[in-house]
Amino acid sequence: MTNSSNSINKQITLYPLLLINFIGTLGYSIVLPFLIFLVMDFGGNAIIYGILAAVYPAFQLVGAPILGRWSDIYGRKKVLLLSNGGTLIGWIFFLFALFLPVENLLRIS
């Protein structure tokens, strides 16, 4: 009976991790189609779009081991809250970018 309750507890403790991973992936997949319009509005091209689209996975690659180490030291809940707070700030910056006026800051002839 205890083995069954242990497996249930392991599944329940994985739920917040899976939920946060799903929300992050969902947010990225929602933003990615709109990113092309922002890049074009600000005068970018396909190379700029590719770089911006690759920044999120690149930082995930770099940040995941760091956050994993921190979760071992400080605890999973604190690190998940910190990670979600950072993600929220990033999405707020992206929201502000949607409402910025389009101006050429630099013109290269």
PDB file of N, CA and C in Angstrom:
ATOM      1  N   MET A   1       0.810  -1.199   0.000  1.00  0.00           N
ATOM      2  CA  MET A   1       0.000   0.000   0.000  1.00  0.00           C
ATOM      3  C   MET A   1       0.857   1.268   0.000  1.00  0.00           C
ATOM      4  N   THR A   2       2.002   1.223   0.658  1.00  0.00           N
ATOM      5  CA  THR A   2       2.839   2.417   0.711  1.00  0.00           C
ATOM      6  C   THR A   2       3.488   2.720  -0.630  1.00  0.00           C
ATOM      7  N   ASN A   3       3.798   1.693  -1.427  1.00  0.00           N
ATOM      8  CA  ASN A   3       4.388   1.942  -2.741  1.00  0.00           C
ATOM      9  C   ASN A   3       3.425   2.700  -3.638  1.00  0.00           C
ATOM     10  N   SER A   4       2.149   2.366  -3.561  1.00  0.00           N
ATOM     11  CA  SER A   4       1.148   3.058  -4.372  1.00  0.00           C
ATOM     12  C   SER A   4       0.995   4.502  -3.927  1.00  0.00           C
ATOM     13  N   SER A   5       1.013   4.763  -2.625  1.00  0.00           N
ATOM     14  CA  SER A   5       0.882   6.143  -2.152  1.00  0.00           C
ATOM     15  C   SER A   5       2.139   6.946  -2.470  1.00  0.00           C
ATOM     16  N   ASN A   6       3.309   6.313  -2.479  1.00  0.00           N
ATOM     17  CA  ASN A   6       4.535   7.016  -2.853  1.00  0.00           C
ATOM     18  C   ASN A   6       4.511   7.421  -4.322  1.00  0.00           C
ATOM     19  N   SER A   7       4.025   6.556  -5.200  1.00  0.00           N
ATOM     20  CA  SER A   7       3.964   6.911  -6.620  1.00  0.00           C
ATOM     21  C   SER A   7       2.959   8.023  -6.868  1.00  0.00           C
ATOM     22  N   ILE A   8       1.874   8.032  -6.097  1.00  0.00           N
ATOM     23  CA  ILE A   8       0.899   9.121  -6.224  1.00  0.00           C
ATOM     24  C   ILE A   8       1.523  10.433  -5.768  1.00  0.00           C
ATOM     25  N   ASN A   9       2.278  10.407  -4.666  1.00  0.00           N
ATOM     26  CA  ASN A   9       2.941  11.621  -4.188  1.00  0.00           C
ATOM     27  C   ASN A   9       3.970  12.124  -5.195  1.00  0.00           C
ATOM     28  N   LYS A  10       4.702  11.221  -5.856  1.00  0.00           N
ATOM     29  CA  LYS A  10       5.667  11.634  -6.860  1.00  0.00           C
ATOM     30  C   LYS A  10       4.971  12.288  -8.044  1.00  0.00           C
ATOM     31  N   GLN A  11       3.813  11.762  -8.443  1.00  0.00           N
ATOM     32  CA  GLN A  11       3.071  12.365  -9.550  1.00  0.00           C
ATOM     33  C   GLN A  11       2.551  13.739  -9.164  1.00  0.00           C
ATOM     34  N   ILE A  12       2.084  13.890  -7.935  1.00  0.00           N
ATOM     35  CA  ILE A  12       1.545  15.170  -7.485  1.00  0.00           C
ATOM     36  C   ILE A  12       2.663  16.215  -7.393  1.00  0.00           C
ATOM     37  N   THR A  13       3.840  15.824  -6.932  1.00  0.00           N
ATOM     38  CA  THR A  13       4.921  16.797  -6.824  1.00  0.00           C
ATOM     39  C   THR A  13       5.478  17.198  -8.183  1.00  0.00           C
ATOM     40  N   LEU A  14       5.292  16.408  -9.209  1.00  0.00           N
ATOM     41  CA  LEU A  14       5.726  16.784 -10.547  1.00  0.00           C
ATOM     42  C   LEU A  14       4.734  17.716 -11.238  1.00  0.00           C
ATOM     43  N   TYR A  15       3.510  17.774 -10.761  1.00  0.00           N
ATOM     44  CA  TYR A  15       2.476  18.580 -11.409  1.00  0.00           C
ATOM     45  C   TYR A  15       2.868  20.055 -11.534  1.00  0.00           C
ATOM     46  N   PRO A  16       3.372  20.729 -10.474  1.00  0.00           N
ATOM     47  CA  PRO A  16       3.751  22.141 -10.645  1.00  0.00           C
ATOM     48  C   PRO A  16       4.856  22.338 -11.676  1.00  0.00           C
ATOM     49  N   LEU A  17       5.813  21.423 -11.726  1.00  0.00           N
ATOM     50  CA  LEU A  17       6.891  21.538 -12.717  1.00  0.00           C
ATOM     51  C   LEU A  17       6.359  21.405 -14.137  1.00  0.00           C
ATOM     52  N   LEU A  18       5.497  20.436 -14.344  1.00  0.00           N
ATOM     53  CA  LEU A  18       4.926  20.239 -15.674  1.00  0.00           C
ATOM     54  C   LEU A  18       4.033  21.414 -16.068  1.00  0.00           C
ATOM     55  N   LEU A  19       3.285  21.951 -15.108  1.00  0.00           N
ATOM     56  CA  LEU A  19       2.408  23.089 -15.384  1.00  0.00           C
ATOM     57  C   LEU A  19       3.223  24.323 -15.778  1.00  0.00           C
ATOM     58  N   ILE A  20       4.297  24.596 -15.063  1.00  0.00           N
ATOM     59  CA  ILE A  20       5.118  25.759 -15.366  1.00  0.00           C
ATOM     60  C   ILE A  20       5.800  25.586 -16.725  1.00  0.00           C
ATOM     61  N   ASN A  21       6.260  24.390 -17.009  1.00  0.00           N
ATOM     62  CA  ASN A  21       6.866  24.124 -18.315  1.00  0.00           C
ATOM     63  C   ASN A  21       5.845  24.315 -19.434  1.00  0.00           C
ATOM     64  N   PHE A  22       4.631  23.855 -19.221  1.00  0.00           N
ATOM     65  CA  PHE A  22       3.571  24.016 -20.226  1.00  0.00           C
ATOM     66  C   PHE A  22       3.247  25.489 -20.442  1.00  0.00           C
ATOM     67  N   ILE A  23       3.142  26.261 -19.366  1.00  0.00           N
ATOM     68  CA  ILE A  23       2.803  27.680 -19.488  1.00  0.00           C
ATOM     69  C   ILE A  23       3.913  28.432 -20.233  1.00  0.00           C
ATOM     70  N   GLY A  24       5.171  28.139 -19.927  1.00  0.00           N
ATOM     71  CA  GLY A  24       6.279  28.784 -20.638  1.00  0.00           C
ATOM     72  C   GLY A  24       6.286  28.462 -22.113  1.00  0.00           C
ATOM     73  N   THR A  25       6.059  27.196 -22.439  1.00  0.00           N
ATOM     74  CA  THR A  25       6.026  26.782 -23.849  1.00  0.00           C
ATOM     75  C   THR A  25       4.829  27.389 -24.562  1.00  0.00           C
ATOM     76  N   LEU A  26       3.690  27.435 -23.902  1.00  0.00           N
ATOM     77  CA  LEU A  26       2.494  28.031 -24.487  1.00  0.00           C
ATOM     78  C   LEU A  26       2.707  29.517 -24.758  1.00  0.00           C
ATOM     79  N   GLY A  27       3.306  30.215 -23.809  1.00  0.00           N
ATOM     80  CA  GLY A  27       3.573  31.641 -24.002  1.00  0.00           C
ATOM     81  C   GLY A  27       4.495  31.896 -25.176  1.00  0.00           C
ATOM     82  N   TYR A  28       5.541  31.102 -25.295  1.00  0.00           N
ATOM     83  CA  TYR A  28       6.478  31.263 -26.404  1.00  0.00           C
ATOM     84  C   TYR A  28       5.803  30.968 -27.734  1.00  0.00           C
ATOM     85  N   SER A  29       4.975  29.932 -27.766  1.00  0.00           N
ATOM     86  CA  SER A  29       4.320  29.578 -29.027  1.00  0.00           C
ATOM     87  C   SER A  29       3.226  30.574 -29.406  1.00  0.00           C
ATOM     88  N   ILE A  30       2.706  31.313 -28.452  1.00  0.00           N
ATOM     89  CA  ILE A  30       1.739  32.365 -28.768  1.00  0.00           C
ATOM     90  C   ILE A  30       2.459  33.602 -29.285  1.00  0.00           C
ATOM     91  N   VAL A  31       3.599  33.931 -28.704  1.00  0.00           N
ATOM     92  CA  VAL A  31       4.328  35.147 -29.076  1.00  0.00           C
ATOM     93  C   VAL A  31       5.045  35.005 -30.411  1.00  0.00           C
ATOM     94  N   LEU A  32       5.554  33.837 -30.716  1.00  0.00           N
ATOM     95  CA  LEU A  32       6.373  33.651 -31.914  1.00  0.00           C
ATOM     96  C   LEU A  32       5.692  34.097 -33.207  1.00  0.00           C
ATOM     97  N   PRO A  33       4.411  33.797 -33.442  1.00  0.00           N
ATOM     98  CA  PRO A  33       3.791  34.290 -34.686  1.00  0.00           C
ATOM     99  C   PRO A  33       3.650  35.810 -34.741  1.00  0.00           C
ATOM    100  N   PHE A  34       3.505  36.485 -33.602  1.00  0.00           N
ATOM    101  CA  PHE A  34       3.375  37.938 -33.592  1.00  0.00           C
ATOM    102  C   PHE A  34       4.722  38.644 -33.698  1.00  0.00           C
ATOM    103  N   LEU A  35       5.783  37.920 -33.413  1.00  0.00           N
ATOM    104  CA  LEU A  35       7.110  38.513 -33.423  1.00  0.00           C
ATOM    105  C   LEU A  35       7.493  39.011 -34.818  1.00  0.00           C
ATOM    106  N   ILE A  36       7.068  38.321 -35.846  1.00  0.00           N
ATOM    107  CA  ILE A  36       7.411  38.738 -37.206  1.00  0.00           C
ATOM    108  C   ILE A  36       6.837  40.119 -37.522  1.00  0.00           C
ATOM    109  N   PHE A  37       5.635  40.411 -37.015  1.00  0.00           N
ATOM    110  CA  PHE A  37       5.034  41.725 -37.263  1.00  0.00           C
ATOM    111  C   PHE A  37       5.790  42.824 -36.534  1.00  0.00           C
ATOM    112  N   LEU A  38       6.234  42.549 -35.310  1.00  0.00           N
ATOM    113  CA  LEU A  38       7.027  43.534 -34.584  1.00  0.00           C
ATOM    114  C   LEU A  38       8.361  43.785 -35.274  1.00  0.00           C
ATOM    115  N   VAL A  39       9.001  42.730 -35.713  1.00  0.00           N
ATOM    116  CA  VAL A  39      10.296  42.880 -36.386  1.00  0.00           C
ATOM    117  C   VAL A  39      10.124  43.702 -37.658  1.00  0.00           C
ATOM    118  N   MET A  40       9.106  43.420 -38.443  1.00  0.00           N
ATOM    119  CA  MET A  40       8.885  44.168 -39.684  1.00  0.00           C
ATOM    120  C   MET A  40       8.509  45.625 -39.404  1.00  0.00           C
ATOM    121  N   ASP A  41       7.699  45.865 -38.358  1.00  0.00           N
ATOM    122  CA  ASP A  41       7.324  47.236 -38.011  1.00  0.00           C
ATOM    123  C   ASP A  41       8.536  48.072 -37.606  1.00  0.00           C
ATOM    124  N   PHE A  42       9.483  47.451 -36.939  1.00  0.00           N
ATOM    125  CA  PHE A  42      10.671  48.182 -36.496  1.00  0.00           C
ATOM    126  C   PHE A  42      11.800  48.142 -37.519  1.00  0.00           C
ATOM    127  N   GLY A  43      11.518  47.669 -38.724  1.00  0.00           N
ATOM    128  CA  GLY A  43      12.486  47.721 -39.804  1.00  0.00           C
ATOM    129  C   GLY A  43      13.472  46.565 -39.833  1.00  0.00           C
ATOM    130  N   GLY A  44      13.162  45.487 -39.176  1.00  0.00           N
ATOM    131  CA  GLY A  44      14.055  44.338 -39.171  1.00  0.00           C
ATOM    132  C   GLY A  44      13.837  43.457 -40.395  1.00  0.00           C
ATOM    133  N   ASN A  45      14.651  42.417 -40.500  1.00  0.00           N
ATOM    134  CA  ASN A  45      14.537  41.480 -41.608  1.00  0.00           C
ATOM    135  C   ASN A  45      14.530  40.054 -41.059  1.00  0.00           C
ATOM    136  N   ALA A  46      14.697  39.082 -41.932  1.00  0.00           N
ATOM    137  CA  ALA A  46      14.622  37.679 -41.526  1.00  0.00           C
ATOM    138  C   ALA A  46      15.740  37.301 -40.564  1.00  0.00           C
ATOM    139  N   ILE A  47      16.908  37.907 -40.726  1.00  0.00           N
ATOM    140  CA  ILE A  47      18.019  37.593 -39.821  1.00  0.00           C
ATOM    141  C   ILE A  47      17.707  38.068 -38.405  1.00  0.00           C
ATOM    142  N   ILE A  48      17.170  39.264 -38.279  1.00  0.00           N
ATOM    143  CA  ILE A  48      16.795  39.796 -36.963  1.00  0.00           C
ATOM    144  C   ILE A  48      15.709  38.925 -36.345  1.00  0.00           C
ATOM    145  N   TYR A  49      14.735  38.519 -37.145  1.00  0.00           N
ATOM    146  CA  TYR A  49      13.673  37.647 -36.647  1.00  0.00           C
ATOM    147  C   TYR A  49      14.253  36.329 -36.140  1.00  0.00           C
ATOM    148  N   GLY A  50      15.176  35.751 -36.891  1.00  0.00           N
ATOM    149  CA  GLY A  50      15.798  34.494 -36.477  1.00  0.00           C
ATOM    150  C   GLY A  50      16.571  34.631 -35.177  1.00  0.00           C
ATOM    151  N   ILE A  51      17.299  35.735 -35.049  1.00  0.00           N
ATOM    152  CA  ILE A  51      18.057  35.966 -33.815  1.00  0.00           C
ATOM    153  C   ILE A  51      17.112  36.126 -32.629  1.00  0.00           C
ATOM    154  N   LEU A  52      16.067  36.939 -32.798  1.00  0.00           N
ATOM    155  CA  LEU A  52      15.123  37.145 -31.695  1.00  0.00           C
ATOM    156  C   LEU A  52      14.374  35.867 -31.339  1.00  0.00           C
ATOM    157  N   ALA A  53      14.024  35.078 -32.340  1.00  0.00           N
ATOM    158  CA  ALA A  53      13.321  33.827 -32.066  1.00  0.00           C
ATOM    159  C   ALA A  53      14.233  32.823 -31.369  1.00  0.00           C
ATOM    160  N   ALA A  54      15.538  32.910 -31.589  1.00  0.00           N
ATOM    161  CA  ALA A  54      16.480  31.970 -30.983  1.00  0.00           C
ATOM    162  C   ALA A  54      16.939  32.397 -29.596  1.00  0.00           C
ATOM    163  N   VAL A  55      16.673  33.632 -29.197  1.00  0.00           N
ATOM    164  CA  VAL A  55      17.144  34.108 -27.898  1.00  0.00           C
ATOM    165  C   VAL A  55      16.484  33.335 -26.750  1.00  0.00           C
ATOM    166  N   TYR A  56      15.189  33.114 -26.822  1.00  0.00           N
ATOM    167  CA  TYR A  56      14.473  32.421 -25.743  1.00  0.00           C
ATOM    168  C   TYR A  56      15.007  31.003 -25.527  1.00  0.00           C
ATOM    169  N   PRO A  57      15.092  30.157 -26.561  1.00  0.00           N
ATOM    170  CA  PRO A  57      15.654  28.828 -26.327  1.00  0.00           C
ATOM    171  C   PRO A  57      17.126  28.857 -25.904  1.00  0.00           C
ATOM    172  N   ALA A  58      17.879  29.837 -26.380  1.00  0.00           N
ATOM    173  CA  ALA A  58      19.285  29.922 -25.987  1.00  0.00           C
ATOM    174  C   ALA A  58      19.415  30.221 -24.498  1.00  0.00           C
ATOM    175  N   PHE A  59      18.607  31.147 -24.013  1.00  0.00           N
ATOM    176  CA  PHE A  59      18.655  31.451 -22.583  1.00  0.00           C
ATOM    177  C   PHE A  59      18.090  30.309 -21.746  1.00  0.00           C
ATOM    178  N   GLN A  60      17.151  29.556 -22.292  1.00  0.00           N
ATOM    179  CA  GLN A  60      16.692  28.358 -21.589  1.00  0.00           C
ATOM    180  C   GLN A  60      17.824  27.358 -21.448  1.00  0.00           C
ATOM    181  N   LEU A  61      18.594  27.193 -22.504  1.00  0.00           N
ATOM    182  CA  LEU A  61      19.721  26.258 -22.484  1.00  0.00           C
ATOM    183  C   LEU A  61      20.752  26.674 -21.435  1.00  0.00           C
ATOM    184  N   VAL A  62      21.015  27.965 -21.340  1.00  0.00           N
ATOM    185  CA  VAL A  62      21.996  28.456 -20.381  1.00  0.00           C
ATOM    186  C   VAL A  62      21.409  28.498 -18.964  1.00  0.00           C
ATOM    187  N   GLY A  63      20.160  28.920 -18.844  1.00  0.00           N
ATOM    188  CA  GLY A  63      19.570  29.153 -17.528  1.00  0.00           C
ATOM    189  C   GLY A  63      19.078  27.918 -16.800  1.00  0.00           C
ATOM    190  N   ALA A  64      18.709  26.874 -17.521  1.00  0.00           N
ATOM    191  CA  ALA A  64      18.147  25.688 -16.868  1.00  0.00           C
ATOM    192  C   ALA A  64      19.116  25.037 -15.878  1.00  0.00           C
ATOM    193  N   PRO A  65      20.388  24.839 -16.215  1.00  0.00           N
ATOM    194  CA  PRO A  65      21.288  24.259 -15.212  1.00  0.00           C
ATOM    195  C   PRO A  65      21.509  25.169 -13.999  1.00  0.00           C
ATOM    196  N   ILE A  66      21.532  26.480 -14.244  1.00  0.00           N
ATOM    197  CA  ILE A  66      21.711  27.421 -13.137  1.00  0.00           C
ATOM    198  C   ILE A  66      20.511  27.361 -12.204  1.00  0.00           C
ATOM    199  N   LEU A  67      19.297  27.406 -12.783  1.00  0.00           N
ATOM    200  CA  LEU A  67      18.091  27.330 -11.955  1.00  0.00           C
ATOM    201  C   LEU A  67      17.990  25.976 -11.259  1.00  0.00           C
ATOM    202  N   GLY A  68      18.434  24.916 -11.912  1.00  0.00           N
ATOM    203  CA  GLY A  68      18.436  23.604 -11.278  1.00  0.00           C
ATOM    204  C   GLY A  68      19.349  23.562 -10.069  1.00  0.00           C
ATOM    205  N   ARG A  69      20.524  24.159 -10.190  1.00  0.00           N
ATOM    206  CA  ARG A  69      21.452  24.214  -9.057  1.00  0.00           C
ATOM    207  C   ARG A  69      20.860  25.052  -7.928  1.00  0.00           C
ATOM    208  N   TRP A  70      20.249  26.194  -8.293  1.00  0.00           N
ATOM    209  CA  TRP A  70      19.638  27.040  -7.269  1.00  0.00           C
ATOM    210  C   TRP A  70      18.486  26.328  -6.567  1.00  0.00           C
ATOM    211  N   SER A  71      17.715  25.520  -7.316  1.00  0.00           N
ATOM    212  CA  SER A  71      16.602  24.811  -6.673  1.00  0.00           C
ATOM    213  C   SER A  71      17.112  23.765  -5.689  1.00  0.00           C
ATOM    214  N   ASP A  72      18.293  23.194  -5.945  1.00  0.00           N
ATOM    215  CA  ASP A  72      18.883  22.280  -4.973  1.00  0.00           C
ATOM    216  C   ASP A  72      19.326  23.023  -3.714  1.00  0.00           C
ATOM    217  N   ILE A  73      19.801  24.245  -3.881  1.00  0.00           N
ATOM    218  CA  ILE A  73      20.314  25.020  -2.747  1.00  0.00           C
ATOM    219  C   ILE A  73      19.186  25.697  -1.981  1.00  0.00           C
ATOM    220  N   TYR A  74      18.316  26.425  -2.687  1.00  0.00           N
ATOM    221  CA  TYR A  74      17.319  27.279  -2.035  1.00  0.00           C
ATOM    222  C   TYR A  74      15.927  26.667  -1.955  1.00  0.00           C
ATOM    223  N   GLY A  75      15.670  25.623  -2.694  1.00  0.00           N
ATOM    224  CA  GLY A  75      14.345  25.007  -2.697  1.00  0.00           C
ATOM    225  C   GLY A  75      13.614  25.277  -4.000  1.00  0.00           C
ATOM    226  N   ARG A  76      12.815  24.297  -4.403  1.00  0.00           N
ATOM    227  CA  ARG A  76      12.148  24.365  -5.699  1.00  0.00           C
ATOM    228  C   ARG A  76      11.120  25.487  -5.769  1.00  0.00           C
ATOM    229  N   LYS A  77      10.334  25.658  -4.717  1.00  0.00           N
ATOM    230  CA  LYS A  77       9.258  26.655  -4.771  1.00  0.00           C
ATOM    231  C   LYS A  77       9.799  28.073  -4.950  1.00  0.00           C
ATOM    232  N   LYS A  78      10.853  28.399  -4.231  1.00  0.00           N
ATOM    233  CA  LYS A  78      11.418  29.750  -4.342  1.00  0.00           C
ATOM    234  C   LYS A  78      11.961  30.008  -5.742  1.00  0.00           C
ATOM    235  N   VAL A  79      12.639  29.021  -6.300  1.00  0.00           N
ATOM    236  CA  VAL A  79      13.219  29.193  -7.631  1.00  0.00           C
ATOM    237  C   VAL A  79      12.120  29.252  -8.696  1.00  0.00           C
ATOM    238  N   LEU A  80      11.072  28.453  -8.540  1.00  0.00           N
ATOM    239  CA  LEU A  80       9.962  28.512  -9.490  1.00  0.00           C
ATOM    240  C   LEU A  80       9.266  29.868  -9.443  1.00  0.00           C
ATOM    241  N   LEU A  81       9.091  30.415  -8.240  1.00  0.00           N
ATOM    242  CA  LEU A  81       8.491  31.748  -8.124  1.00  0.00           C
ATOM    243  C   LEU A  81       9.399  32.802  -8.760  1.00  0.00           C
ATOM    244  N   LEU A  82      10.699  32.693  -8.531  1.00  0.00           N
ATOM    245  CA  LEU A  82      11.642  33.621  -9.148  1.00  0.00           C
ATOM    246  C   LEU A  82      11.603  33.504 -10.672  1.00  0.00           C
ATOM    247  N   SER A  83      11.582  32.293 -11.163  1.00  0.00           N
ATOM    248  CA  SER A  83      11.544  32.062 -12.612  1.00  0.00           C
ATOM    249  C   SER A  83      10.257  32.593 -13.224  1.00  0.00           C
ATOM    250  N   ASN A  84       9.139  32.332 -12.581  1.00  0.00           N
ATOM    251  CA  ASN A  84       7.865  32.848 -13.098  1.00  0.00           C
ATOM    252  C   ASN A  84       7.799  34.363 -13.027  1.00  0.00           C
ATOM    253  N   GLY A  85       8.373  34.950 -11.987  1.00  0.00           N
ATOM    254  CA  GLY A  85       8.421  36.416 -11.892  1.00  0.00           C
ATOM    255  C   GLY A  85       9.237  37.013 -13.030  1.00  0.00           C
ATOM    256  N   GLY A  86      10.380  36.399 -13.338  1.00  0.00           N
ATOM    257  CA  GLY A  86      11.199  36.866 -14.455  1.00  0.00           C
ATOM    258  C   GLY A  86      10.485  36.717 -15.785  1.00  0.00           C
ATOM    259  N   THR A  87       9.771  35.607 -15.949  1.00  0.00           N
ATOM    260  CA  THR A  87       9.006  35.402 -17.172  1.00  0.00           C
ATOM    261  C   THR A  87       7.905  36.447 -17.299  1.00  0.00           C
ATOM    262  N   LEU A  88       7.240  36.757 -16.206  1.00  0.00           N
ATOM    263  CA  LEU A  88       6.196  37.781 -16.211  1.00  0.00           C
ATOM    264  C   LEU A  88       6.756  39.137 -16.614  1.00  0.00           C
ATOM    265  N   ILE A  89       7.903  39.492 -16.082  1.00  0.00           N
ATOM    266  CA  ILE A  89       8.533  40.767 -16.444  1.00  0.00           C
ATOM    267  C   ILE A  89       8.881  40.785 -17.933  1.00  0.00           C
ATOM    268  N   GLY A  90       9.373  39.673 -18.445  1.00  0.00           N
ATOM    269  CA  GLY A  90       9.684  39.587 -19.875  1.00  0.00           C
ATOM    270  C   GLY A  90       8.451  39.761 -20.747  1.00  0.00           C
ATOM    271  N   TRP A  91       7.337  39.132 -20.361  1.00  0.00           N
ATOM    272  CA  TRP A  91       6.104  39.279 -21.142  1.00  0.00           C
ATOM    273  C   TRP A  91       5.567  40.702 -21.053  1.00  0.00           C
ATOM    274  N   ILE A  92       5.762  41.361 -19.916  1.00  0.00           N
ATOM    275  CA  ILE A  92       5.323  42.760 -19.785  1.00  0.00           C
ATOM    276  C   ILE A  92       6.143  43.650 -20.726  1.00  0.00           C
ATOM    277  N   PHE A  93       7.458  43.409 -20.807  1.00  0.00           N
ATOM    278  CA  PHE A  93       8.288  44.161 -21.763  1.00  0.00           C
ATOM    279  C   PHE A  93       7.804  43.931 -23.190  1.00  0.00           C
ATOM    280  N   PHE A  94       7.480  42.701 -23.508  1.00  0.00           N
ATOM    281  CA  PHE A  94       6.985  42.403 -24.849  1.00  0.00           C
ATOM    282  C   PHE A  94       5.668  43.115 -25.116  1.00  0.00           C
ATOM    283  N   LEU A  95       4.783  43.174 -24.114  1.00  0.00           N
ATOM    284  CA  LEU A  95       3.511  43.873 -24.263  1.00  0.00           C
ATOM    285  C   LEU A  95       3.743  45.355 -24.523  1.00  0.00           C
ATOM    286  N   PHE A  96       4.679  45.961 -23.810  1.00  0.00           N
ATOM    287  CA  PHE A  96       4.999  47.370 -24.044  1.00  0.00           C
ATOM    288  C   PHE A  96       5.551  47.588 -25.446  1.00  0.00           C
ATOM    289  N   ALA A  97       6.305  46.625 -25.968  1.00  0.00           N
ATOM    290  CA  ALA A  97       6.858  46.762 -27.317  1.00  0.00           C
ATOM    291  C   ALA A  97       5.760  46.816 -28.368  1.00  0.00           C
ATOM    292  N   LEU A  98       4.625  46.176 -28.083  1.00  0.00           N
ATOM    293  CA  LEU A  98       3.513  46.226 -29.037  1.00  0.00           C
ATOM    294  C   LEU A  98       2.942  47.630 -29.184  1.00  0.00           C
ATOM    295  N   PHE A  99       3.070  48.453 -28.147  1.00  0.00           N
ATOM    296  CA  PHE A  99       2.459  49.779 -28.153  1.00  0.00           C
ATOM    297  C   PHE A  99       3.456  50.913 -28.362  1.00  0.00           C
ATOM    298  N   LEU A 100       4.714  50.574 -28.601  1.00  0.00           N
ATOM    299  CA  LEU A 100       5.705  51.618 -28.862  1.00  0.00           C
ATOM    300  C   LEU A 100       5.462  52.239 -30.233  1.00  0.00           C
ATOM    301  N   PRO A 101       5.676  53.548 -30.347  1.00  0.00           N
ATOM    302  CA  PRO A 101       5.557  54.151 -31.683  1.00  0.00           C
ATOM    303  C   PRO A 101       6.729  53.709 -32.552  1.00  0.00           C
ATOM    304  N   VAL A 102       6.456  53.561 -33.822  1.00  0.00           N
ATOM    305  CA  VAL A 102       7.483  53.117 -34.759  1.00  0.00           C
ATOM    306  C   VAL A 102       8.274  54.330 -35.212  1.00  0.00           C
ATOM    307  N   GLU A 103       9.563  54.354 -34.871  1.00  0.00           N
ATOM    308  CA  GLU A 103      10.447  55.449 -35.258  1.00  0.00           C
ATOM    309  C   GLU A 103      11.790  54.861 -35.657  1.00  0.00           C
ATOM    310  N   ASN A 104      12.420  55.484 -36.605  1.00  0.00           N
ATOM    311  CA  ASN A 104      13.781  55.105 -36.962  1.00  0.00           C
ATOM    312  C   ASN A 104      14.745  55.814 -36.025  1.00  0.00           C
ATOM    313  N   LEU A 105      15.443  55.045 -35.205  1.00  0.00           N
ATOM    314  CA  LEU A 105      16.413  55.638 -34.289  1.00  0.00           C
ATOM    315  C   LEU A 105      17.764  55.847 -34.958  1.00  0.00           C
ATOM    316  N   LEU A 106      18.038  55.030 -35.976  1.00  0.00           N
ATOM    317  CA  LEU A 106      19.322  55.113 -36.646  1.00  0.00           C
ATOM    318  C   LEU A 106      19.108  54.814 -38.120  1.00  0.00           C
ATOM    319  N   ARG A 107      19.637  55.650 -38.959  1.00  0.00           N
ATOM    320  CA  ARG A 107      19.520  55.421 -40.393  1.00  0.00           C
ATOM    321  C   ARG A 107      20.914  55.248 -40.971  1.00  0.00           C
ATOM    322  N   ILE A 108      21.101  54.115 -41.611  1.00  0.00           N
ATOM    323  CA  ILE A 108      22.366  53.816 -42.234  1.00  0.00           C
ATOM    324  C   ILE A 108      22.181  53.920 -43.742  1.00  0.00           C
ATOM    325  N   SER A 109      22.944  54.800 -44.395  1.00  0.00           N
ATOM    326  CA  SER A 109      22.784  55.015 -45.832  1.00  0.00           C
ATOM    327  C   SER A 109      23.654  54.104 -46.629  1.00  0.00           C
TER     328      SER A 109
END
